[in-house]
Amino acid sequence: MDPNFSFQINLSGVEASGGGKRLDEGYYKGTIVDVNSAQNSTGSMRLVFKIGNFEGYGGAVRTTSITLRSTAASST
């Protein structure tokens, strides 16, 4: 096997399996069901949250992330 390869893929118009559930705009209570770390293209680390169990939307799952500061915040 040659690990040195590249490819291009176009996912425009592709939907999540199961069709996904559209949530109406607003505020929802959910549960963080998983958290992972990932690295941005700039090298910064971010936390990726998988949120589910939305009240009234059963199996809906959404993902969001926050980038962690690479240096300590200054207090002024």
PDB file of N, CA and C in Angstrom:
ATOM      1  N   MET A   1       0.836  -1.191   0.000  1.00  0.00           N
ATOM      2  CA  MET A   1       0.000   0.000   0.000  1.00  0.00           C
ATOM      3  C   MET A   1       0.868   1.237   0.000  1.00  0.00           C
ATOM      4  N   ASP A   2       0.484   2.198  -0.792  1.00  0.00           N
ATOM      5  CA  ASP A   2       1.197   3.473  -0.855  1.00  0.00           C
ATOM      6  C   ASP A   2       0.414   4.513  -0.063  1.00  0.00           C
ATOM      7  N   PRO A   3       0.925   4.996   1.089  1.00  0.00           N
ATOM      8  CA  PRO A   3       0.195   5.978   1.894  1.00  0.00           C
ATOM      9  C   PRO A   3       0.255   7.388   1.305  1.00  0.00           C
ATOM     10  N   ASN A   4       1.003   7.588   0.233  1.00  0.00           N
ATOM     11  CA  ASN A   4       1.149   8.903  -0.389  1.00  0.00           C
ATOM     12  C   ASN A   4       0.189   9.025  -1.561  1.00  0.00           C
ATOM     13  N   PHE A   5      -1.017   9.462  -1.283  1.00  0.00           N
ATOM     14  CA  PHE A   5      -1.998   9.636  -2.341  1.00  0.00           C
ATOM     15  C   PHE A   5      -2.854  10.851  -2.022  1.00  0.00           C
ATOM     16  N   SER A   6      -3.572  11.334  -2.993  1.00  0.00           N
ATOM     17  CA  SER A   6      -4.505  12.434  -2.780  1.00  0.00           C
ATOM     18  C   SER A   6      -5.705  12.221  -3.692  1.00  0.00           C
ATOM     19  N   PHE A   7      -6.802  12.854  -3.345  1.00  0.00           N
ATOM     20  CA  PHE A   7      -7.983  12.784  -4.187  1.00  0.00           C
ATOM     21  C   PHE A   7      -8.849  14.002  -3.917  1.00  0.00           C
ATOM     22  N   GLN A   8      -9.778  14.268  -4.813  1.00  0.00           N
ATOM     23  CA  GLN A   8     -10.715  15.370  -4.652  1.00  0.00           C
ATOM     24  C   GLN A   8     -12.112  14.793  -4.637  1.00  0.00           C
ATOM     25  N   ILE A   9     -12.964  15.367  -3.803  1.00  0.00           N
ATOM     26  CA  ILE A   9     -14.340  14.898  -3.724  1.00  0.00           C
ATOM     27  C   ILE A   9     -15.259  16.099  -3.586  1.00  0.00           C
ATOM     28  N   ASN A  10     -16.376  16.065  -4.262  1.00  0.00           N
ATOM     29  CA  ASN A  10     -17.349  17.143  -4.216  1.00  0.00           C
ATOM     30  C   ASN A  10     -18.600  16.606  -3.519  1.00  0.00           C
ATOM     31  N   LEU A  11     -18.914  17.139  -2.356  1.00  0.00           N
ATOM     32  CA  LEU A  11     -20.066  16.677  -1.589  1.00  0.00           C
ATOM     33  C   LEU A  11     -21.245  17.648  -1.662  1.00  0.00           C
ATOM     34  N   SER A  12     -21.217  18.561  -2.609  1.00  0.00           N
ATOM     35  CA  SER A  12     -22.328  19.504  -2.712  1.00  0.00           C
ATOM     36  C   SER A  12     -23.611  18.741  -3.024  1.00  0.00           C
ATOM     37  N   GLY A  13     -24.658  19.095  -2.323  1.00  0.00           N
ATOM     38  CA  GLY A  13     -25.950  18.446  -2.518  1.00  0.00           C
ATOM     39  C   GLY A  13     -26.128  17.147  -1.770  1.00  0.00           C
ATOM     40  N   VAL A  14     -25.091  16.674  -1.085  1.00  0.00           N
ATOM     41  CA  VAL A  14     -25.185  15.430  -0.332  1.00  0.00           C
ATOM     42  C   VAL A  14     -25.819  15.729   1.020  1.00  0.00           C
ATOM     43  N   GLU A  15     -26.782  14.916   1.413  1.00  0.00           N
ATOM     44  CA  GLU A  15     -27.432  15.090   2.706  1.00  0.00           C
ATOM     45  C   GLU A  15     -27.033  13.956   3.627  1.00  0.00           C
ATOM     46  N   ALA A  16     -27.127  14.220   4.933  1.00  0.00           N
ATOM     47  CA  ALA A  16     -26.803  13.195   5.922  1.00  0.00           C
ATOM     48  C   ALA A  16     -27.737  12.006   5.752  1.00  0.00           C
ATOM     49  N   SER A  17     -27.241  10.817   6.060  1.00  0.00           N
ATOM     50  CA  SER A  17     -28.091   9.642   5.964  1.00  0.00           C
ATOM     51  C   SER A  17     -29.287   9.813   6.886  1.00  0.00           C
ATOM     52  N   GLY A  18     -30.416   9.343   6.471  1.00  0.00           N
ATOM     53  CA  GLY A  18     -31.629   9.508   7.257  1.00  0.00           C
ATOM     54  C   GLY A  18     -32.328  10.823   6.969  1.00  0.00           C
ATOM     55  N   GLY A  19     -31.727  11.655   6.117  1.00  0.00           N
ATOM     56  CA  GLY A  19     -32.362  12.908   5.728  1.00  0.00           C
ATOM     57  C   GLY A  19     -32.166  14.053   6.700  1.00  0.00           C
ATOM     58  N   GLY A  20     -31.714  13.777   7.913  1.00  0.00           N
ATOM     59  CA  GLY A  20     -31.498  14.841   8.889  1.00  0.00           C
ATOM     60  C   GLY A  20     -32.808  15.439   9.364  1.00  0.00           C
ATOM     61  N   LYS A  21     -32.779  16.037  10.521  1.00  0.00           N
ATOM     62  CA  LYS A  21     -33.959  16.694  11.064  1.00  0.00           C
ATOM     63  C   LYS A  21     -33.704  18.187  11.101  1.00  0.00           C
ATOM     64  N   ARG A  22     -34.622  18.930  10.541  1.00  0.00           N
ATOM     65  CA  ARG A  22     -34.494  20.381  10.545  1.00  0.00           C
ATOM     66  C   ARG A  22     -35.111  20.907  11.837  1.00  0.00           C
ATOM     67  N   LEU A  23     -34.328  21.686  12.588  1.00  0.00           N
ATOM     68  CA  LEU A  23     -34.825  22.288  13.810  1.00  0.00           C
ATOM     69  C   LEU A  23     -35.291  23.708  13.516  1.00  0.00           C
ATOM     70  N   ASP A  24     -36.460  24.079  14.046  1.00  0.00           N
ATOM     71  CA  ASP A  24     -36.929  25.447  13.903  1.00  0.00           C
ATOM     72  C   ASP A  24     -35.988  26.366  14.660  1.00  0.00           C
ATOM     73  N   GLU A  25     -35.857  27.606  14.180  1.00  0.00           N
ATOM     74  CA  GLU A  25     -34.963  28.560  14.844  1.00  0.00           C
ATOM     75  C   GLU A  25     -35.463  28.843  16.252  1.00  0.00           C
ATOM     76  N   GLY A  26     -34.561  28.904  17.197  1.00  0.00           N
ATOM     77  CA  GLY A  26     -34.930  29.186  18.574  1.00  0.00           C
ATOM     78  C   GLY A  26     -33.935  28.580  19.544  1.00  0.00           C
ATOM     79  N   TYR A  27     -34.297  28.537  20.819  1.00  0.00           N
ATOM     80  CA  TYR A  27     -33.451  27.988  21.861  1.00  0.00           C
ATOM     81  C   TYR A  27     -33.962  26.612  22.246  1.00  0.00           C
ATOM     82  N   TYR A  28     -33.043  25.673  22.479  1.00  0.00           N
ATOM     83  CA  TYR A  28     -33.399  24.306  22.827  1.00  0.00           C
ATOM     84  C   TYR A  28     -32.542  23.826  23.987  1.00  0.00           C
ATOM     85  N   LYS A  29     -33.105  22.927  24.773  1.00  0.00           N
ATOM     86  CA  LYS A  29     -32.329  22.244  25.798  1.00  0.00           C
ATOM     87  C   LYS A  29     -31.885  20.926  25.206  1.00  0.00           C
ATOM     88  N   GLY A  30     -30.590  20.658  25.290  1.00  0.00           N
ATOM     89  CA  GLY A  30     -30.036  19.406  24.786  1.00  0.00           C
ATOM     90  C   GLY A  30     -28.988  18.886  25.755  1.00  0.00           C
ATOM     91  N   THR A  31     -28.393  17.783  25.413  1.00  0.00           N
ATOM     92  CA  THR A  31     -27.377  17.154  26.244  1.00  0.00           C
ATOM     93  C   THR A  31     -26.106  16.976  25.425  1.00  0.00           C
ATOM     94  N   ILE A  32     -24.967  17.317  26.004  1.00  0.00           N
ATOM     95  CA  ILE A  32     -23.692  17.042  25.331  1.00  0.00           C
ATOM     96  C   ILE A  32     -23.474  15.540  25.421  1.00  0.00           C
ATOM     97  N   VAL A  33     -23.450  14.873  24.272  1.00  0.00           N
ATOM     98  CA  VAL A  33     -23.326  13.418  24.264  1.00  0.00           C
ATOM     99  C   VAL A  33     -21.913  12.945  23.938  1.00  0.00           C
ATOM    100  N   ASP A  34     -21.064  13.856  23.428  1.00  0.00           N
ATOM    101  CA  ASP A  34     -19.684  13.485  23.119  1.00  0.00           C
ATOM    102  C   ASP A  34     -18.864  14.753  22.945  1.00  0.00           C
ATOM    103  N   VAL A  35     -17.588  14.705  23.329  1.00  0.00           N
ATOM    104  CA  VAL A  35     -16.664  15.827  23.139  1.00  0.00           C
ATOM    105  C   VAL A  35     -15.337  15.261  22.653  1.00  0.00           C
ATOM    106  N   ASN A  36     -14.789  15.869  21.608  1.00  0.00           N
ATOM    107  CA  ASN A  36     -13.485  15.474  21.075  1.00  0.00           C
ATOM    108  C   ASN A  36     -12.653  16.724  20.847  1.00  0.00           C
ATOM    109  N   SER A  37     -11.364  16.543  20.685  1.00  0.00           N
ATOM    110  CA  SER A  37     -10.509  17.665  20.310  1.00  0.00           C
ATOM    111  C   SER A  37     -10.106  17.494  18.858  1.00  0.00           C
ATOM    112  N   ALA A  38      -9.860  18.607  18.203  1.00  0.00           N
ATOM    113  CA  ALA A  38      -9.431  18.600  16.804  1.00  0.00           C
ATOM    114  C   ALA A  38      -8.479  19.763  16.604  1.00  0.00           C
ATOM    115  N   GLN A  39      -7.734  19.730  15.534  1.00  0.00           N
ATOM    116  CA  GLN A  39      -6.782  20.794  15.241  1.00  0.00           C
ATOM    117  C   GLN A  39      -7.262  21.576  14.030  1.00  0.00           C
ATOM    118  N   ASN A  40      -7.314  22.914  14.160  1.00  0.00           N
ATOM    119  CA  ASN A  40      -7.673  23.784  13.043  1.00  0.00           C
ATOM    120  C   ASN A  40      -6.534  23.804  12.028  1.00  0.00           C
ATOM    121  N   SER A  41      -6.817  24.306  10.857  1.00  0.00           N
ATOM    122  CA  SER A  41      -5.781  24.405   9.821  1.00  0.00           C
ATOM    123  C   SER A  41      -4.660  25.350  10.238  1.00  0.00           C
ATOM    124  N   THR A  42      -4.932  26.239  11.202  1.00  0.00           N
ATOM    125  CA  THR A  42      -3.916  27.174  11.685  1.00  0.00           C
ATOM    126  C   THR A  42      -3.058  26.565  12.787  1.00  0.00           C
ATOM    127  N   GLY A  43      -3.404  25.354  13.223  1.00  0.00           N
ATOM    128  CA  GLY A  43      -2.655  24.695  14.273  1.00  0.00           C
ATOM    129  C   GLY A  43      -3.274  24.846  15.654  1.00  0.00           C
ATOM    130  N   SER A  44      -4.281  25.718  15.783  1.00  0.00           N
ATOM    131  CA  SER A  44      -4.971  25.895  17.062  1.00  0.00           C
ATOM    132  C   SER A  44      -5.813  24.659  17.368  1.00  0.00           C
ATOM    133  N   MET A  45      -6.006  24.392  18.645  1.00  0.00           N
ATOM    134  CA  MET A  45      -6.852  23.274  19.052  1.00  0.00           C
ATOM    135  C   MET A  45      -8.277  23.767  19.274  1.00  0.00           C
ATOM    136  N   ARG A  46      -9.225  22.900  19.024  1.00  0.00           N
ATOM    137  CA  ARG A  46     -10.621  23.227  19.294  1.00  0.00           C
ATOM    138  C   ARG A  46     -11.314  22.034  19.921  1.00  0.00           C
ATOM    139  N   LEU A  47     -12.357  22.314  20.675  1.00  0.00           N
ATOM    140  CA  LEU A  47     -13.193  21.273  21.253  1.00  0.00           C
ATOM    141  C   LEU A  47     -14.430  21.137  20.385  1.00  0.00           C
ATOM    142  N   VAL A  48     -14.766  19.921  20.011  1.00  0.00           N
ATOM    143  CA  VAL A  48     -15.919  19.641  19.165  1.00  0.00           C
ATOM    144  C   VAL A  48     -16.981  18.956  20.022  1.00  0.00           C
ATOM    145  N   PHE A  49     -18.139  19.589  20.137  1.00  0.00           N
ATOM    146  CA  PHE A  49     -19.236  19.085  20.962  1.00  0.00           C
ATOM    147  C   PHE A  49     -20.317  18.457  20.082  1.00  0.00           C
ATOM    148  N   LYS A  50     -20.726  17.263  20.426  1.00  0.00           N
ATOM    149  CA  LYS A  50     -21.865  16.609  19.777  1.00  0.00           C
ATOM    150  C   LYS A  50     -23.027  16.732  20.763  1.00  0.00           C
ATOM    151  N   ILE A  51     -24.106  17.392  20.360  1.00  0.00           N
ATOM    152  CA  ILE A  51     -25.229  17.681  21.244  1.00  0.00           C
ATOM    153  C   ILE A  51     -26.470  16.972  20.727  1.00  0.00           C
ATOM    154  N   GLY A  52     -27.184  16.280  21.620  1.00  0.00           N
ATOM    155  CA  GLY A  52     -28.381  15.552  21.232  1.00  0.00           C
ATOM    156  C   GLY A  52     -29.434  15.612  22.316  1.00  0.00           C
ATOM    157  N   ASN A  53     -30.408  14.730  22.200  1.00  0.00           N
ATOM    158  CA  ASN A  53     -31.517  14.636  23.160  1.00  0.00           C
ATOM    159  C   ASN A  53     -32.263  15.959  23.308  1.00  0.00           C
ATOM    160  N   PHE A  54     -32.508  16.646  22.192  1.00  0.00           N
ATOM    161  CA  PHE A  54     -33.245  17.901  22.239  1.00  0.00           C
ATOM    162  C   PHE A  54     -34.697  17.629  22.607  1.00  0.00           C
ATOM    163  N   GLU A  55     -35.235  18.427  23.521  1.00  0.00           N
ATOM    164  CA  GLU A  55     -36.623  18.264  23.939  1.00  0.00           C
ATOM    165  C   GLU A  55     -37.544  18.429  22.729  1.00  0.00           C
ATOM    166  N   GLY A  56     -38.345  17.421  22.462  1.00  0.00           N
ATOM    167  CA  GLY A  56     -39.299  17.480  21.358  1.00  0.00           C
ATOM    168  C   GLY A  56     -38.727  17.068  20.011  1.00  0.00           C
ATOM    169  N   TYR A  57     -37.413  16.800  19.936  1.00  0.00           N
ATOM    170  CA  TYR A  57     -36.810  16.436  18.660  1.00  0.00           C
ATOM    171  C   TYR A  57     -36.045  15.122  18.741  1.00  0.00           C
ATOM    172  N   GLY A  58     -36.283  14.342  19.763  1.00  0.00           N
ATOM    173  CA  GLY A  58     -35.751  12.993  19.899  1.00  0.00           C
ATOM    174  C   GLY A  58     -34.338  12.771  19.414  1.00  0.00           C
ATOM    175  N   GLY A  59     -34.183  12.184  18.227  1.00  0.00           N
ATOM    176  CA  GLY A  59     -32.882  11.760  17.731  1.00  0.00           C
ATOM    177  C   GLY A  59     -32.047  12.818  17.044  1.00  0.00           C
ATOM    178  N   ALA A  60     -32.476  14.070  17.050  1.00  0.00           N
ATOM    179  CA  ALA A  60     -31.697  15.116  16.395  1.00  0.00           C
ATOM    180  C   ALA A  60     -30.351  15.286  17.091  1.00  0.00           C
ATOM    181  N   VAL A  61     -29.294  15.430  16.307  1.00  0.00           N
ATOM    182  CA  VAL A  61     -27.940  15.650  16.831  1.00  0.00           C
ATOM    183  C   VAL A  61     -27.328  16.821  16.076  1.00  0.00           C
ATOM    184  N   ARG A  62     -26.681  17.700  16.790  1.00  0.00           N
ATOM    185  CA  ARG A  62     -25.976  18.826  16.176  1.00  0.00           C
ATOM    186  C   ARG A  62     -24.552  18.848  16.705  1.00  0.00           C
ATOM    187  N   THR A  63     -23.643  19.397  15.907  1.00  0.00           N
ATOM    188  CA  THR A  63     -22.238  19.491  16.282  1.00  0.00           C
ATOM    189  C   THR A  63     -21.814  20.952  16.227  1.00  0.00           C
ATOM    190  N   THR A  64     -21.063  21.381  17.224  1.00  0.00           N
ATOM    191  CA  THR A  64     -20.507  22.726  17.248  1.00  0.00           C
ATOM    192  C   THR A  64     -19.122  22.650  17.870  1.00  0.00           C
ATOM    193  N   SER A  65     -18.344  23.687  17.730  1.00  0.00           N
ATOM    194  CA  SER A  65     -16.995  23.654  18.302  1.00  0.00           C
ATOM    195  C   SER A  65     -16.593  25.042  18.793  1.00  0.00           C
ATOM    196  N   ILE A  66     -15.601  25.048  19.686  1.00  0.00           N
ATOM    197  CA  ILE A  66     -14.993  26.296  20.143  1.00  0.00           C
ATOM    198  C   ILE A  66     -13.483  26.143  20.029  1.00  0.00           C
ATOM    199  N   THR A  67     -12.823  27.214  19.601  1.00  0.00           N
ATOM    200  CA  THR A  67     -11.367  27.206  19.482  1.00  0.00           C
ATOM    201  C   THR A  67     -10.764  27.626  20.810  1.00  0.00           C
ATOM    202  N   LEU A  68      -9.761  26.892  21.242  1.00  0.00           N
ATOM    203  CA  LEU A  68      -9.076  27.192  22.503  1.00  0.00           C
ATOM    204  C   LEU A  68      -7.983  28.213  22.256  1.00  0.00           C
ATOM    205  N   ARG A  69      -7.805  29.115  23.194  1.00  0.00           N
ATOM    206  CA  ARG A  69      -6.741  30.113  23.082  1.00  0.00           C
ATOM    207  C   ARG A  69      -5.395  29.409  23.159  1.00  0.00           C
ATOM    208  N   SER A  70      -4.468  29.854  22.363  1.00  0.00           N
ATOM    209  CA  SER A  70      -3.122  29.265  22.401  1.00  0.00           C
ATOM    210  C   SER A  70      -2.226  29.984  23.385  1.00  0.00           C
ATOM    211  N   THR A  71      -2.657  31.167  23.859  1.00  0.00           N
ATOM    212  CA  THR A  71      -1.893  31.910  24.862  1.00  0.00           C
ATOM    213  C   THR A  71      -2.844  32.336  25.977  1.00  0.00           C
ATOM    214  N   ALA A  72      -2.314  32.618  27.132  1.00  0.00           N
ATOM    215  CA  ALA A  72      -3.131  33.035  28.263  1.00  0.00           C
ATOM    216  C   ALA A  72      -3.753  34.404  27.982  1.00  0.00           C
ATOM    217  N   ALA A  73      -4.991  34.571  28.402  1.00  0.00           N
ATOM    218  CA  ALA A  73      -5.676  35.857  28.231  1.00  0.00           C
ATOM    219  C   ALA A  73      -5.094  36.864  29.217  1.00  0.00           C
ATOM    220  N   SER A  74      -4.953  38.103  28.790  1.00  0.00           N
ATOM    221  CA  SER A  74      -4.459  39.134  29.695  1.00  0.00           C
ATOM    222  C   SER A  74      -5.636  39.793  30.393  1.00  0.00           C
ATOM    223  N   SER A  75      -5.455  40.161  31.645  1.00  0.00           N
ATOM    224  CA  SER A  75      -6.532  40.819  32.383  1.00  0.00           C
ATOM    225  C   SER A  75      -6.190  42.304  32.475  1.00  0.00           C
ATOM    226  N   THR A  76      -6.993  43.124  31.794  1.00  0.00           N
ATOM    227  CA  THR A  76      -6.765  44.566  31.817  1.00  0.00           C
ATOM    228  C   THR A  76      -8.003  45.274  32.275  1.00  0.00           C
TER     229      THR A  76
END
